[in-house]
Each structure stands twice: as structure tokens, then as C-alpha cells.
Amino acid sequence: MTDILLCPACPADLPAILDLNRLAFGGEAEAELVEALLADPAAAPLVNLVLFQGDILRAHVLLSRGWLDEVADGPALSWLAPLAVHPERQGRGLGQALTHAASAMAAEMGQALIFLMGHPGFYPKCGYVPAGAHGFTTPHPLPDGAQPAWMVRELQRGALSHWSGRVRASEPLERPELWGS
């Protein structure tokens, strides 16, 4: 991987970020999710990173604020959604590089945990483990067979053994259609 620039997204990147999400996911849903999260003060996007190869945007990741339901003084936690890699560049390490960079930034900000719904064949390579096995539940019930996609990454040692409960997110990430409800 040569000529790579990984940096915080700027407002001028937004049209390319939205186009990338449309390409990577084959539709509008993730592009609309990015716009909604960036506009939602409750999401308080913490990490908004882009990866360029030359002058072409090849990958994007967004981490937004989350919290544990009914836990007044819970851990600082984030949601990773979405992670988009250009279809022609998938499988070449760009997603892993971006995920690790976003996790490092979140850890520096004092985040304890990052949650996501994602591909169970990809995210464990980035340090994610099944969230349900650690006592964390999703904002909405998951359809049959979807439990392996519900994952968490521990950023602060001991956070997985100290906390559990229903993980909440801002409205754009809690829309029932995102959860198969």
C-alpha cells in the first residue's frame, strides 16, 4: 500500500464519503446513516476518518457516541458504523488499517468499548469479540442467526468484565429497520 493518507474527514470530503458508502454497500442506507449521524448532536461523532490512495477516497469509518441503558455513570463507549471500503479495494487491508486507527483514536479519547453489527469473518481480525457473550444486548432484538454479528472491542482493560447491559445509541443507529425488526 503506497501513497496512502489516513486523516480526519473534513466537510469537503462529505460528497465523496457518501458516494463511497453507496458503492461499498450498493444503496442509499449507509450514506443516509452517515448524514444522519453527522447531523445528530446525540451521536456526537467522535472519530470520522478517511483513507485516500493518491487523491482518491478509498475508505471511511465513523465512530459515534453510545451509552448503557439505565447506567448513570457507565463507561465511555462508541458505535462503529459504518465502515466503507471501495469495492475494488476490499480485501487489501484498508478496512483493517482504518478500524485499528479509529480504535486507537477512541482509546486516546478515553473510550472503554466500541460496539458494532458487522461481518463475523472480518471484525475479529480487528480485535472484536461477541458482545452477547459478555452480557451486552442490542437496542432491538436481533433476528435469528444475527447474534454473531453483534460485537464489541475492549479499549480499556477490564471494561468487558466490569460492565454489561443494553447498549444504546443515537436515533439514527436505533432505527428498527437497521436491526431487522
N, C-alpha and C. Protein backbone atom coordinates (compact mmCIF):
# COMPACT_ATOMS: atom_id res chain seq x y z
N MET A 1 0.85 -1.17 0.00
CA MET A 1 0.00 0.00 0.00
C MET A 1 0.90 1.23 0.00
N THR A 2 0.97 1.87 -1.12
CA THR A 2 1.77 3.09 -1.21
C THR A 2 0.85 4.27 -1.43
N ASP A 3 1.40 5.45 -1.16
CA ASP A 3 0.66 6.68 -1.40
C ASP A 3 -0.65 6.75 -0.61
N ILE A 4 -0.61 6.30 0.64
CA ILE A 4 -1.83 6.27 1.47
C ILE A 4 -1.80 7.42 2.45
N LEU A 5 -2.93 8.08 2.58
CA LEU A 5 -3.12 9.14 3.56
C LEU A 5 -4.35 8.80 4.38
N LEU A 6 -4.17 8.66 5.67
CA LEU A 6 -5.26 8.42 6.60
C LEU A 6 -5.38 9.67 7.45
N CYS A 7 -6.57 10.29 7.47
CA CYS A 7 -6.72 11.56 8.17
C CYS A 7 -8.17 11.78 8.58
N PRO A 8 -8.39 12.73 9.50
CA PRO A 8 -9.76 13.09 9.84
C PRO A 8 -10.48 13.63 8.61
N ALA A 9 -11.75 13.28 8.49
CA ALA A 9 -12.56 13.80 7.38
C ALA A 9 -12.80 15.28 7.60
N CYS A 10 -12.93 16.01 6.51
CA CYS A 10 -13.29 17.43 6.57
C CYS A 10 -14.61 17.60 5.82
N PRO A 11 -15.29 18.73 6.03
CA PRO A 11 -16.59 18.93 5.37
C PRO A 11 -16.54 18.75 3.85
N ALA A 12 -15.44 19.12 3.23
CA ALA A 12 -15.33 18.98 1.77
C ALA A 12 -15.30 17.52 1.33
N ASP A 13 -15.00 16.59 2.25
CA ASP A 13 -14.97 15.16 1.93
C ASP A 13 -16.35 14.53 1.88
N LEU A 14 -17.37 15.20 2.42
CA LEU A 14 -18.67 14.56 2.59
C LEU A 14 -19.26 14.01 1.29
N PRO A 15 -19.29 14.72 0.18
CA PRO A 15 -19.86 14.12 -1.03
C PRO A 15 -19.15 12.82 -1.44
N ALA A 16 -17.83 12.79 -1.34
CA ALA A 16 -17.09 11.58 -1.69
C ALA A 16 -17.35 10.46 -0.67
N ILE A 17 -17.51 10.81 0.60
CA ILE A 17 -17.83 9.81 1.64
C ILE A 17 -19.18 9.17 1.34
N LEU A 18 -20.16 10.00 0.99
CA LEU A 18 -21.50 9.47 0.69
C LEU A 18 -21.46 8.58 -0.55
N ASP A 19 -20.74 9.02 -1.58
CA ASP A 19 -20.60 8.19 -2.80
C ASP A 19 -19.92 6.86 -2.48
N LEU A 20 -18.88 6.90 -1.66
CA LEU A 20 -18.17 5.68 -1.28
C LEU A 20 -19.09 4.71 -0.56
N ASN A 21 -19.91 5.22 0.37
CA ASN A 21 -20.84 4.34 1.09
C ASN A 21 -21.87 3.74 0.15
N ARG A 22 -22.32 4.50 -0.84
CA ARG A 22 -23.27 3.95 -1.82
C ARG A 22 -22.62 2.82 -2.61
N LEU A 23 -21.38 3.03 -3.03
CA LEU A 23 -20.66 2.00 -3.78
C LEU A 23 -20.39 0.76 -2.93
N ALA A 24 -19.90 0.97 -1.72
CA ALA A 24 -19.49 -0.14 -0.86
C ALA A 24 -20.68 -1.00 -0.44
N PHE A 25 -21.83 -0.37 -0.24
CA PHE A 25 -22.98 -1.11 0.28
C PHE A 25 -24.09 -1.31 -0.75
N GLY A 26 -23.93 -0.74 -1.94
CA GLY A 26 -24.89 -0.97 -3.01
C GLY A 26 -26.25 -0.33 -2.80
N GLY A 27 -26.29 0.82 -2.15
CA GLY A 27 -27.57 1.50 -1.94
C GLY A 27 -27.40 2.78 -1.15
N GLU A 28 -28.52 3.32 -0.74
CA GLU A 28 -28.54 4.61 -0.06
C GLU A 28 -28.47 4.52 1.46
N ALA A 29 -28.80 3.38 2.05
CA ALA A 29 -29.00 3.29 3.50
C ALA A 29 -27.79 3.79 4.31
N GLU A 30 -26.60 3.34 3.98
CA GLU A 30 -25.42 3.74 4.76
C GLU A 30 -25.05 5.19 4.52
N ALA A 31 -25.23 5.68 3.29
CA ALA A 31 -24.98 7.11 3.02
C ALA A 31 -25.94 7.96 3.85
N GLU A 32 -27.19 7.56 3.91
CA GLU A 32 -28.17 8.29 4.71
C GLU A 32 -27.82 8.20 6.20
N LEU A 33 -27.32 7.04 6.63
CA LEU A 33 -26.91 6.88 8.02
C LEU A 33 -25.76 7.83 8.35
N VAL A 34 -24.77 7.93 7.48
CA VAL A 34 -23.65 8.85 7.70
C VAL A 34 -24.17 10.27 7.86
N GLU A 35 -25.01 10.71 6.94
CA GLU A 35 -25.55 12.08 7.02
C GLU A 35 -26.31 12.29 8.32
N ALA A 36 -27.14 11.32 8.71
CA ALA A 36 -27.93 11.46 9.93
C ALA A 36 -27.05 11.51 11.17
N LEU A 37 -26.03 10.66 11.23
CA LEU A 37 -25.14 10.65 12.39
C LEU A 37 -24.35 11.95 12.50
N LEU A 38 -23.87 12.43 11.37
CA LEU A 38 -23.09 13.68 11.41
C LEU A 38 -23.94 14.88 11.81
N ALA A 39 -25.24 14.81 11.56
CA ALA A 39 -26.14 15.91 11.89
C ALA A 39 -26.74 15.79 13.28
N ASP A 40 -26.61 14.65 13.94
CA ASP A 40 -27.28 14.40 15.22
C ASP A 40 -26.36 14.74 16.40
N PRO A 41 -26.71 15.76 17.18
CA PRO A 41 -25.87 16.11 18.34
C PRO A 41 -25.75 14.97 19.35
N ALA A 42 -26.77 14.11 19.47
CA ALA A 42 -26.70 12.99 20.41
C ALA A 42 -25.66 11.96 19.97
N ALA A 43 -25.44 11.85 18.67
CA ALA A 43 -24.42 10.92 18.17
C ALA A 43 -23.03 11.42 18.48
N ALA A 44 -22.88 12.74 18.51
CA ALA A 44 -21.60 13.37 18.82
C ALA A 44 -20.45 12.61 18.17
N PRO A 45 -20.42 12.52 16.83
CA PRO A 45 -19.37 11.72 16.19
C PRO A 45 -17.99 12.01 16.77
N LEU A 46 -17.35 10.95 17.23
CA LEU A 46 -16.07 11.04 17.92
C LEU A 46 -14.89 10.88 16.96
N VAL A 47 -15.04 9.97 16.02
CA VAL A 47 -13.99 9.70 15.04
C VAL A 47 -14.65 9.64 13.67
N ASN A 48 -14.13 10.41 12.75
CA ASN A 48 -14.62 10.46 11.38
C ASN A 48 -13.37 10.47 10.50
N LEU A 49 -12.94 9.26 10.10
CA LEU A 49 -11.67 9.11 9.39
C LEU A 49 -11.88 8.71 7.94
N VAL A 50 -10.99 9.22 7.09
CA VAL A 50 -10.97 8.83 5.68
C VAL A 50 -9.58 8.31 5.33
N LEU A 51 -9.55 7.45 4.32
CA LEU A 51 -8.29 6.92 3.82
C LEU A 51 -8.26 7.17 2.32
N PHE A 52 -7.24 7.89 1.91
CA PHE A 52 -7.04 8.20 0.50
C PHE A 52 -5.88 7.38 -0.04
N GLN A 53 -5.99 6.92 -1.28
CA GLN A 53 -4.86 6.40 -2.05
C GLN A 53 -4.67 7.41 -3.16
N GLY A 54 -3.54 8.09 -3.11
CA GLY A 54 -3.37 9.23 -4.01
C GLY A 54 -4.41 10.27 -3.63
N ASP A 55 -5.16 10.74 -4.61
CA ASP A 55 -6.21 11.73 -4.30
C ASP A 55 -7.61 11.13 -4.36
N ILE A 56 -7.69 9.78 -4.28
CA ILE A 56 -8.98 9.10 -4.38
C ILE A 56 -9.37 8.53 -3.01
N LEU A 57 -10.56 8.88 -2.55
CA LEU A 57 -11.08 8.35 -1.30
C LEU A 57 -11.37 6.86 -1.47
N ARG A 58 -10.75 6.03 -0.63
CA ARG A 58 -10.91 4.59 -0.74
C ARG A 58 -11.63 3.96 0.44
N ALA A 59 -11.63 4.65 1.62
CA ALA A 59 -12.27 4.06 2.80
C ALA A 59 -12.68 5.16 3.77
N HIS A 60 -13.68 4.84 4.58
CA HIS A 60 -14.21 5.78 5.57
C HIS A 60 -14.74 4.99 6.76
N VAL A 61 -14.58 5.55 7.96
CA VAL A 61 -15.15 4.97 9.17
C VAL A 61 -15.66 6.09 10.07
N LEU A 62 -16.74 5.79 10.76
CA LEU A 62 -17.35 6.75 11.67
C LEU A 62 -17.61 6.06 13.01
N LEU A 63 -17.18 6.69 14.10
CA LEU A 63 -17.49 6.24 15.45
C LEU A 63 -18.36 7.30 16.10
N SER A 64 -19.49 6.85 16.66
CA SER A 64 -20.43 7.75 17.32
C SER A 64 -20.60 7.36 18.77
N ARG A 65 -21.14 8.28 19.54
CA ARG A 65 -21.34 8.09 20.97
C ARG A 65 -22.42 7.04 21.25
N GLY A 66 -22.20 6.27 22.30
CA GLY A 66 -23.18 5.31 22.80
C GLY A 66 -23.18 5.35 24.32
N TRP A 67 -24.07 4.58 24.92
CA TRP A 67 -24.16 4.51 26.37
C TRP A 67 -24.90 3.24 26.77
N LEU A 68 -24.79 2.89 28.03
CA LEU A 68 -25.52 1.75 28.57
C LEU A 68 -26.83 2.24 29.16
N ASP A 69 -27.90 1.55 28.81
CA ASP A 69 -29.23 1.88 29.30
C ASP A 69 -29.27 1.74 30.82
N GLU A 70 -29.85 2.72 31.48
CA GLU A 70 -30.07 2.70 32.93
C GLU A 70 -28.78 2.61 33.74
N VAL A 71 -27.68 3.09 33.19
CA VAL A 71 -26.41 3.14 33.92
C VAL A 71 -25.98 4.60 33.94
N ALA A 72 -26.13 5.23 35.08
CA ALA A 72 -25.88 6.67 35.19
C ALA A 72 -24.40 7.03 34.98
N ASP A 73 -23.52 6.23 35.51
CA ASP A 73 -22.09 6.55 35.43
C ASP A 73 -21.35 5.43 34.73
N GLY A 74 -21.81 5.09 33.52
CA GLY A 74 -21.24 3.99 32.78
C GLY A 74 -19.97 4.37 32.04
N PRO A 75 -19.43 3.41 31.33
CA PRO A 75 -18.19 3.65 30.60
C PRO A 75 -18.43 4.52 29.37
N ALA A 76 -17.39 5.19 28.92
CA ALA A 76 -17.45 5.90 27.64
C ALA A 76 -17.39 4.84 26.55
N LEU A 77 -18.41 4.83 25.70
CA LEU A 77 -18.42 3.82 24.65
C LEU A 77 -18.85 4.42 23.32
N SER A 78 -18.48 3.71 22.26
CA SER A 78 -18.72 4.17 20.90
C SER A 78 -19.38 3.08 20.09
N TRP A 79 -19.98 3.52 18.98
CA TRP A 79 -20.52 2.63 17.95
C TRP A 79 -19.69 2.83 16.69
N LEU A 80 -19.24 1.77 16.09
CA LEU A 80 -18.58 1.84 14.80
C LEU A 80 -19.65 1.55 13.74
N ALA A 81 -19.98 2.56 12.97
CA ALA A 81 -20.97 2.41 11.89
C ALA A 81 -21.01 3.68 11.08
N PRO A 82 -20.88 3.58 9.81
CA PRO A 82 -20.43 2.42 9.06
C PRO A 82 -18.92 2.46 8.80
N LEU A 83 -18.42 1.34 8.32
CA LEU A 83 -17.07 1.24 7.77
C LEU A 83 -17.25 0.91 6.30
N ALA A 84 -16.78 1.78 5.43
CA ALA A 84 -16.93 1.57 3.98
C ALA A 84 -15.56 1.53 3.32
N VAL A 85 -15.37 0.52 2.48
CA VAL A 85 -14.16 0.40 1.67
C VAL A 85 -14.61 0.25 0.22
N HIS A 86 -13.97 0.98 -0.66
CA HIS A 86 -14.32 0.91 -2.08
C HIS A 86 -14.30 -0.55 -2.53
N PRO A 87 -15.32 -1.00 -3.27
CA PRO A 87 -15.39 -2.41 -3.67
C PRO A 87 -14.13 -2.93 -4.37
N GLU A 88 -13.46 -2.09 -5.15
CA GLU A 88 -12.24 -2.53 -5.84
C GLU A 88 -11.04 -2.66 -4.92
N ARG A 89 -11.16 -2.18 -3.69
CA ARG A 89 -10.04 -2.21 -2.74
C ARG A 89 -10.33 -3.09 -1.53
N GLN A 90 -11.48 -3.75 -1.48
CA GLN A 90 -11.80 -4.61 -0.35
C GLN A 90 -10.87 -5.82 -0.35
N GLY A 91 -10.56 -6.29 0.84
CA GLY A 91 -9.68 -7.46 0.99
C GLY A 91 -8.21 -7.13 0.88
N ARG A 92 -7.86 -5.86 0.92
CA ARG A 92 -6.45 -5.46 0.78
C ARG A 92 -5.89 -4.79 2.04
N GLY A 93 -6.61 -4.88 3.15
CA GLY A 93 -6.10 -4.35 4.41
C GLY A 93 -6.52 -2.92 4.73
N LEU A 94 -7.22 -2.25 3.83
CA LEU A 94 -7.61 -0.87 4.09
C LEU A 94 -8.61 -0.78 5.24
N GLY A 95 -9.58 -1.68 5.27
CA GLY A 95 -10.58 -1.69 6.35
C GLY A 95 -9.94 -1.96 7.70
N GLN A 96 -9.01 -2.90 7.73
CA GLN A 96 -8.32 -3.19 8.99
C GLN A 96 -7.50 -1.99 9.44
N ALA A 97 -6.78 -1.37 8.53
CA ALA A 97 -5.97 -0.20 8.88
C ALA A 97 -6.84 0.91 9.46
N LEU A 98 -7.96 1.15 8.82
CA LEU A 98 -8.87 2.21 9.26
C LEU A 98 -9.50 1.85 10.60
N THR A 99 -9.90 0.61 10.78
CA THR A 99 -10.52 0.17 12.04
C THR A 99 -9.53 0.29 13.18
N HIS A 100 -8.28 -0.13 12.98
CA HIS A 100 -7.27 -0.02 14.03
C HIS A 100 -6.96 1.44 14.36
N ALA A 101 -6.90 2.30 13.34
CA ALA A 101 -6.64 3.72 13.59
C ALA A 101 -7.79 4.35 14.37
N ALA A 102 -9.01 4.03 14.01
CA ALA A 102 -10.18 4.58 14.72
C ALA A 102 -10.19 4.09 16.17
N SER A 103 -9.85 2.83 16.39
CA SER A 103 -9.81 2.29 17.75
C SER A 103 -8.74 2.98 18.58
N ALA A 104 -7.58 3.23 17.99
CA ALA A 104 -6.50 3.91 18.71
C ALA A 104 -6.93 5.34 19.08
N MET A 105 -7.59 6.01 18.16
CA MET A 105 -8.07 7.37 18.47
C MET A 105 -9.11 7.34 19.58
N ALA A 106 -10.03 6.38 19.53
CA ALA A 106 -11.06 6.27 20.56
C ALA A 106 -10.42 5.97 21.92
N ALA A 107 -9.43 5.12 21.95
CA ALA A 107 -8.74 4.81 23.21
C ALA A 107 -8.08 6.05 23.78
N GLU A 108 -7.45 6.84 22.91
CA GLU A 108 -6.82 8.08 23.36
C GLU A 108 -7.83 9.06 23.94
N MET A 109 -9.09 8.99 23.48
CA MET A 109 -10.16 9.86 23.97
C MET A 109 -10.78 9.32 25.26
N GLY A 110 -10.31 8.16 25.73
CA GLY A 110 -10.85 7.60 26.96
C GLY A 110 -12.03 6.67 26.77
N GLN A 111 -12.31 6.29 25.54
CA GLN A 111 -13.39 5.34 25.29
C GLN A 111 -13.00 3.97 25.84
N ALA A 112 -13.97 3.27 26.45
CA ALA A 112 -13.69 1.97 27.04
C ALA A 112 -14.04 0.82 26.11
N LEU A 113 -15.11 0.99 25.31
CA LEU A 113 -15.62 -0.08 24.47
C LEU A 113 -16.12 0.49 23.15
N ILE A 114 -16.01 -0.32 22.09
CA ILE A 114 -16.61 0.01 20.80
C ILE A 114 -17.51 -1.15 20.40
N PHE A 115 -18.75 -0.83 20.03
CA PHE A 115 -19.73 -1.84 19.61
C PHE A 115 -20.02 -1.71 18.13
N LEU A 116 -20.47 -2.82 17.53
CA LEU A 116 -20.87 -2.79 16.13
C LEU A 116 -21.70 -4.01 15.79
N MET A 117 -22.40 -3.88 14.67
CA MET A 117 -23.02 -5.02 14.00
C MET A 117 -22.22 -5.17 12.72
N GLY A 118 -21.54 -6.28 12.55
CA GLY A 118 -20.68 -6.41 11.39
C GLY A 118 -20.38 -7.84 11.02
N HIS A 119 -19.60 -7.99 10.00
CA HIS A 119 -19.28 -9.31 9.45
C HIS A 119 -18.42 -10.10 10.43
N PRO A 120 -18.93 -11.26 10.91
CA PRO A 120 -18.17 -12.03 11.89
C PRO A 120 -16.88 -12.64 11.34
N GLY A 121 -16.69 -12.62 10.03
CA GLY A 121 -15.43 -13.09 9.47
C GLY A 121 -14.37 -12.01 9.39
N PHE A 122 -14.76 -10.75 9.48
CA PHE A 122 -13.82 -9.64 9.35
C PHE A 122 -13.42 -9.04 10.70
N TYR A 123 -14.39 -8.66 11.51
CA TYR A 123 -14.10 -7.85 12.69
C TYR A 123 -13.29 -8.55 13.78
N PRO A 124 -13.37 -9.86 13.96
CA PRO A 124 -12.48 -10.47 14.95
C PRO A 124 -10.99 -10.25 14.63
N LYS A 125 -10.64 -10.07 13.35
CA LYS A 125 -9.25 -9.76 12.98
C LYS A 125 -8.83 -8.38 13.48
N CYS A 126 -9.83 -7.57 13.84
CA CYS A 126 -9.58 -6.21 14.33
C CYS A 126 -9.77 -6.11 15.84
N GLY A 127 -9.85 -7.26 16.52
CA GLY A 127 -9.94 -7.26 17.98
C GLY A 127 -11.34 -7.34 18.55
N TYR A 128 -12.34 -7.57 17.73
CA TYR A 128 -13.72 -7.64 18.21
C TYR A 128 -14.09 -9.06 18.62
N VAL A 129 -14.92 -9.14 19.66
CA VAL A 129 -15.41 -10.42 20.19
C VAL A 129 -16.93 -10.34 20.29
N PRO A 130 -17.61 -11.49 20.43
CA PRO A 130 -19.06 -11.47 20.56
C PRO A 130 -19.51 -10.67 21.79
N ALA A 131 -20.36 -9.68 21.58
CA ALA A 131 -20.82 -8.82 22.68
C ALA A 131 -21.80 -9.53 23.59
N GLY A 132 -22.67 -10.37 23.01
CA GLY A 132 -23.64 -11.09 23.81
C GLY A 132 -23.01 -11.99 24.85
N ALA A 133 -21.87 -12.56 24.53
CA ALA A 133 -21.17 -13.45 25.46
C ALA A 133 -20.65 -12.70 26.68
N HIS A 134 -20.60 -11.37 26.59
CA HIS A 134 -20.14 -10.54 27.71
C HIS A 134 -21.29 -9.81 28.38
N GLY A 135 -22.52 -10.21 28.07
CA GLY A 135 -23.68 -9.64 28.75
C GLY A 135 -24.23 -8.36 28.16
N PHE A 136 -23.83 -8.02 26.94
CA PHE A 136 -24.34 -6.81 26.29
C PHE A 136 -25.46 -7.17 25.32
N THR A 137 -26.52 -6.41 25.36
CA THR A 137 -27.64 -6.62 24.44
C THR A 137 -27.80 -5.41 23.53
N THR A 138 -28.47 -5.64 22.42
CA THR A 138 -28.67 -4.62 21.39
C THR A 138 -29.88 -3.75 21.70
N PRO A 139 -29.99 -2.60 21.04
CA PRO A 139 -31.14 -1.73 21.25
C PRO A 139 -32.48 -2.38 20.88
N HIS A 140 -32.47 -3.27 19.92
CA HIS A 140 -33.66 -4.01 19.48
C HIS A 140 -33.29 -5.49 19.40
N PRO A 141 -34.27 -6.37 19.56
CA PRO A 141 -33.97 -7.80 19.41
C PRO A 141 -33.42 -8.10 18.01
N LEU A 142 -32.49 -9.02 17.97
CA LEU A 142 -31.89 -9.42 16.70
C LEU A 142 -32.68 -10.57 16.07
N PRO A 143 -32.75 -10.60 14.74
CA PRO A 143 -33.37 -11.75 14.09
C PRO A 143 -32.54 -13.01 14.30
N ASP A 144 -33.17 -14.15 14.12
CA ASP A 144 -32.47 -15.43 14.25
C ASP A 144 -31.21 -15.45 13.39
N GLY A 145 -30.14 -15.93 13.96
CA GLY A 145 -28.89 -16.07 13.23
C GLY A 145 -28.02 -14.82 13.18
N ALA A 146 -28.50 -13.69 13.68
CA ALA A 146 -27.73 -12.44 13.59
C ALA A 146 -26.82 -12.20 14.79
N GLN A 147 -26.95 -12.99 15.84
CA GLN A 147 -26.17 -12.76 17.05
C GLN A 147 -24.66 -12.72 16.81
N PRO A 148 -24.07 -13.54 15.92
CA PRO A 148 -22.61 -13.46 15.71
C PRO A 148 -22.14 -12.10 15.18
N ALA A 149 -23.02 -11.33 14.59
CA ALA A 149 -22.64 -10.01 14.06
C ALA A 149 -22.58 -8.93 15.14
N TRP A 150 -23.11 -9.20 16.31
CA TRP A 150 -23.13 -8.24 17.43
C TRP A 150 -21.81 -8.39 18.19
N MET A 151 -20.92 -7.38 18.06
CA MET A 151 -19.56 -7.49 18.58
C MET A 151 -19.13 -6.25 19.36
N VAL A 152 -18.08 -6.44 20.13
CA VAL A 152 -17.51 -5.38 20.96
C VAL A 152 -15.99 -5.50 20.95
N ARG A 153 -15.33 -4.35 21.08
CA ARG A 153 -13.87 -4.34 21.26
C ARG A 153 -13.57 -3.58 22.54
N GLU A 154 -12.79 -4.20 23.40
CA GLU A 154 -12.38 -3.60 24.66
C GLU A 154 -11.18 -2.69 24.41
N LEU A 155 -11.29 -1.44 24.84
CA LEU A 155 -10.19 -0.48 24.70
C LEU A 155 -9.51 -0.21 26.04
N GLN A 156 -10.26 -0.39 27.14
CA GLN A 156 -9.70 -0.22 28.48
C GLN A 156 -9.76 -1.57 29.18
N ARG A 157 -8.62 -2.02 29.61
CA ARG A 157 -8.53 -3.34 30.25
C ARG A 157 -9.55 -3.46 31.38
N GLY A 158 -10.29 -4.56 31.36
CA GLY A 158 -11.26 -4.84 32.40
C GLY A 158 -12.66 -4.34 32.12
N ALA A 159 -12.84 -3.54 31.08
CA ALA A 159 -14.17 -2.98 30.80
C ALA A 159 -15.18 -4.07 30.48
N LEU A 160 -14.76 -5.12 29.77
CA LEU A 160 -15.69 -6.20 29.43
C LEU A 160 -16.16 -6.98 30.65
N SER A 161 -15.33 -7.09 31.65
CA SER A 161 -15.73 -7.84 32.85
C SER A 161 -16.45 -6.94 33.87
N HIS A 162 -16.30 -5.65 33.73
CA HIS A 162 -16.88 -4.72 34.70
C HIS A 162 -18.29 -4.26 34.32
N TRP A 163 -18.57 -4.19 33.03
CA TRP A 163 -19.84 -3.63 32.55
C TRP A 163 -20.64 -4.66 31.77
N SER A 164 -21.95 -4.46 31.73
CA SER A 164 -22.85 -5.24 30.88
C SER A 164 -24.16 -4.48 30.81
N GLY A 165 -25.06 -4.92 29.95
CA GLY A 165 -26.37 -4.30 29.86
C GLY A 165 -26.76 -3.99 28.42
N ARG A 166 -27.86 -3.29 28.30
CA ARG A 166 -28.39 -2.90 26.99
C ARG A 166 -27.63 -1.69 26.48
N VAL A 167 -27.04 -1.82 25.31
CA VAL A 167 -26.24 -0.75 24.71
C VAL A 167 -27.17 0.11 23.87
N ARG A 168 -27.07 1.40 24.05
CA ARG A 168 -27.95 2.35 23.36
C ARG A 168 -27.11 3.24 22.43
N ALA A 169 -27.81 3.86 21.50
CA ALA A 169 -27.17 4.73 20.51
C ALA A 169 -28.10 5.88 20.21
N SER A 170 -27.62 6.83 19.44
CA SER A 170 -28.48 7.92 19.00
C SER A 170 -29.53 7.38 18.03
N GLU A 171 -30.55 8.17 17.79
CA GLU A 171 -31.70 7.75 16.99
C GLU A 171 -31.33 7.15 15.64
N PRO A 172 -30.41 7.73 14.87
CA PRO A 172 -30.11 7.13 13.57
C PRO A 172 -29.65 5.67 13.64
N LEU A 173 -28.94 5.30 14.70
CA LEU A 173 -28.47 3.92 14.84
C LEU A 173 -29.49 3.01 15.52
N GLU A 174 -30.52 3.59 16.10
CA GLU A 174 -31.53 2.77 16.77
C GLU A 174 -32.78 2.55 15.92
N ARG A 175 -32.75 2.98 14.68
CA ARG A 175 -33.89 2.74 13.82
C ARG A 175 -34.14 1.23 13.69
N PRO A 176 -35.37 0.78 13.98
CA PRO A 176 -35.65 -0.67 13.98
C PRO A 176 -35.25 -1.39 12.69
N GLU A 177 -35.36 -0.72 11.54
CA GLU A 177 -35.03 -1.39 10.28
C GLU A 177 -33.55 -1.77 10.19
N LEU A 178 -32.69 -1.09 10.94
CA LEU A 178 -31.27 -1.46 10.96
C LEU A 178 -31.03 -2.75 11.74
N TRP A 179 -31.97 -3.12 12.55
CA TRP A 179 -31.82 -4.28 13.43
C TRP A 179 -32.64 -5.47 12.97
N GLY A 180 -33.29 -5.35 11.82
CA GLY A 180 -34.09 -6.44 11.32
C GLY A 180 -35.44 -6.56 12.02
N SER A 181 -35.81 -5.52 12.77
CA SER A 181 -37.09 -5.53 13.49
C SER A 181 -38.21 -5.02 12.61
